Amino acid sequence: MFLSMKTFVQIQFVPDREQATKLRCVIERFNDAANYVAGIAFEHKTANVFELRRLCYRQVRARFSLSSQMTQLAIKTVRDAY
């Protein structure tokens, strides 16, 4: 029998002024992208993540200058909200 122990570390992120500004900018773009995806989801009456990706992945990446991972997360966040 194997016993395992999990260790958790809690850290605090303290950005300097420049980092905070950049982070705020990314968060705002992410929120704008999620709102855009929500509009498409409502318009097409779908919460299917695969359908949402097909409908808006490329537009979100181009329009909001998000990375692929952030774009996928915005789409998934909208799907989870529905």
C-alpha atoms as a PDB file:
ATOM      1  CA  MET A   1       0.000   0.000   0.000  1.00  0.00           C
ATOM      2  CA  PHE A   2       1.338   3.393  -1.005  1.00  0.00           C
ATOM      3  CA  LEU A   3       0.581   6.470   1.001  1.00  0.00           C
ATOM      4  CA  SER A   4       0.951   9.846  -0.550  1.00  0.00           C
ATOM      5  CA  MET A   5       1.036  13.275   0.941  1.00  0.00           C
ATOM      6  CA  LYS A   6      -0.010  16.397  -0.898  1.00  0.00           C
ATOM      7  CA  THR A   7       1.652  19.674  -0.135  1.00  0.00           C
ATOM      8  CA  PHE A   8       0.056  22.997  -0.954  1.00  0.00           C
ATOM      9  CA  VAL A   9       1.883  26.258  -1.159  1.00  0.00           C
ATOM     10  CA  GLN A  10       0.059  29.549  -1.044  1.00  0.00           C
ATOM     11  CA  ILE A  11       1.759  32.514  -2.645  1.00  0.00           C
ATOM     12  CA  GLN A  12       0.798  36.114  -3.136  1.00  0.00           C
ATOM     13  CA  PHE A  13       1.375  37.822  -6.467  1.00  0.00           C
ATOM     14  CA  VAL A  14       2.436  41.440  -5.963  1.00  0.00           C
ATOM     15  CA  PRO A  15       3.000  43.087  -9.337  1.00  0.00           C
ATOM     16  CA  ASP A  16       4.813  46.367  -9.683  1.00  0.00           C
ATOM     17  CA  ARG A  17       3.017  49.277 -11.339  1.00  0.00           C
ATOM     18  CA  GLU A  18       3.998  48.318 -14.899  1.00  0.00           C
ATOM     19  CA  GLN A  19       3.072  44.659 -14.417  1.00  0.00           C
ATOM     20  CA  ALA A  20      -0.249  45.650 -12.843  1.00  0.00           C
ATOM     21  CA  THR A  21      -1.077  47.826 -15.846  1.00  0.00           C
ATOM     22  CA  LYS A  22      -0.262  45.016 -18.291  1.00  0.00           C
ATOM     23  CA  LEU A  23      -2.211  42.487 -16.235  1.00  0.00           C
ATOM     24  CA  ARG A  24      -5.244  44.777 -16.076  1.00  0.00           C
ATOM     25  CA  CYS A  25      -5.067  45.190 -19.855  1.00  0.00           C
ATOM     26  CA  VAL A  26      -5.040  41.428 -20.429  1.00  0.00           C
ATOM     27  CA  ILE A  27      -7.920  40.901 -18.002  1.00  0.00           C
ATOM     28  CA  GLU A  28      -9.982  43.570 -19.746  1.00  0.00           C
ATOM     29  CA  ARG A  29      -9.310  42.007 -23.174  1.00  0.00           C
ATOM     30  CA  PHE A  30     -10.247  38.589 -21.773  1.00  0.00           C
ATOM     31  CA  ASN A  31     -13.514  39.949 -20.332  1.00  0.00           C
ATOM     32  CA  ASP A  32     -14.318  41.719 -23.616  1.00  0.00           C
ATOM     33  CA  ALA A  33     -13.656  38.475 -25.489  1.00  0.00           C
ATOM     34  CA  ALA A  34     -15.910  36.516 -23.127  1.00  0.00           C
ATOM     35  CA  ASN A  35     -18.688  39.082 -23.638  1.00  0.00           C
ATOM     36  CA  TYR A  36     -18.242  38.770 -27.401  1.00  0.00           C
ATOM     37  CA  VAL A  37     -18.462  34.961 -27.202  1.00  0.00           C
ATOM     38  CA  ALA A  38     -21.543  35.227 -24.961  1.00  0.00           C
ATOM     39  CA  GLY A  39     -23.235  37.335 -27.631  1.00  0.00           C
ATOM     40  CA  ILE A  40     -22.497  34.702 -30.253  1.00  0.00           C
ATOM     41  CA  ALA A  41     -23.679  31.907 -27.940  1.00  0.00           C
ATOM     42  CA  PHE A  42     -26.933  33.775 -27.329  1.00  0.00           C
ATOM     43  CA  GLU A  43     -27.411  34.597 -31.003  1.00  0.00           C
ATOM     44  CA  HIS A  44     -26.908  30.967 -32.058  1.00  0.00           C
ATOM     45  CA  LYS A  45     -28.625  29.545 -28.969  1.00  0.00           C
ATOM     46  CA  THR A  46     -25.755  27.206 -28.173  1.00  0.00           C
ATOM     47  CA  ALA A  47     -23.599  26.421 -25.171  1.00  0.00           C
ATOM     48  CA  ASN A  48     -21.733  23.644 -26.930  1.00  0.00           C
ATOM     49  CA  VAL A  49     -18.020  24.356 -26.581  1.00  0.00           C
ATOM     50  CA  PHE A  50     -17.148  22.738 -29.911  1.00  0.00           C
ATOM     51  CA  GLU A  51     -19.795  24.757 -31.739  1.00  0.00           C
ATOM     52  CA  LEU A  52     -18.654  27.976 -30.044  1.00  0.00           C
ATOM     53  CA  ARG A  53     -15.051  27.272 -31.039  1.00  0.00           C
ATOM     54  CA  ARG A  54     -16.140  26.713 -34.632  1.00  0.00           C
ATOM     55  CA  LEU A  55     -18.181  29.904 -34.633  1.00  0.00           C
ATOM     56  CA  CYS A  56     -15.793  32.351 -33.032  1.00  0.00           C
ATOM     57  CA  TYR A  57     -12.285  31.059 -32.228  1.00  0.00           C
ATOM     58  CA  ARG A  58     -10.507  32.824 -35.112  1.00  0.00           C
ATOM     59  CA  GLN A  59     -12.441  36.075 -34.670  1.00  0.00           C
ATOM     60  CA  VAL A  60     -11.684  36.202 -30.929  1.00  0.00           C
ATOM     61  CA  ARG A  61      -7.950  35.602 -31.467  1.00  0.00           C
ATOM     62  CA  ALA A  62      -7.756  38.302 -34.125  1.00  0.00           C
ATOM     63  CA  ARG A  63     -10.084  40.853 -32.562  1.00  0.00           C
ATOM     64  CA  PHE A  64      -8.788  40.698 -28.969  1.00  0.00           C
ATOM     65  CA  SER A  65      -5.145  39.671 -29.573  1.00  0.00           C
ATOM     66  CA  LEU A  66      -5.355  36.796 -27.114  1.00  0.00           C
ATOM     67  CA  SER A  67      -3.178  33.709 -27.065  1.00  0.00           C
ATOM     68  CA  SER A  68      -4.717  30.403 -28.082  1.00  0.00           C
ATOM     69  CA  GLN A  69      -4.942  29.300 -24.455  1.00  0.00           C
ATOM     70  CA  MET A  70      -6.667  32.525 -23.355  1.00  0.00           C
ATOM     71  CA  THR A  71      -9.080  32.290 -26.295  1.00  0.00           C
ATOM     72  CA  GLN A  72      -9.988  28.708 -25.421  1.00  0.00           C
ATOM     73  CA  LEU A  73     -10.460  29.704 -21.789  1.00  0.00           C
ATOM     74  CA  ALA A  74     -12.749  32.614 -22.726  1.00  0.00           C
ATOM     75  CA  ILE A  75     -14.911  30.266 -24.793  1.00  0.00           C
ATOM     76  CA  LYS A  76     -14.990  27.664 -22.023  1.00  0.00           C
ATOM     77  CA  THR A  77     -15.816  30.319 -19.431  1.00  0.00           C
ATOM     78  CA  VAL A  78     -18.871  31.355 -21.453  1.00  0.00           C
ATOM     79  CA  ARG A  79     -19.912  27.747 -21.927  1.00  0.00           C
ATOM     80  CA  ASP A  80     -19.614  27.128 -18.175  1.00  0.00           C
ATOM     81  CA  ALA A  81     -21.756  30.207 -17.465  1.00  0.00           C
ATOM     82  CA  TYR A  82     -24.585  28.801 -19.591  1.00  0.00           C
END
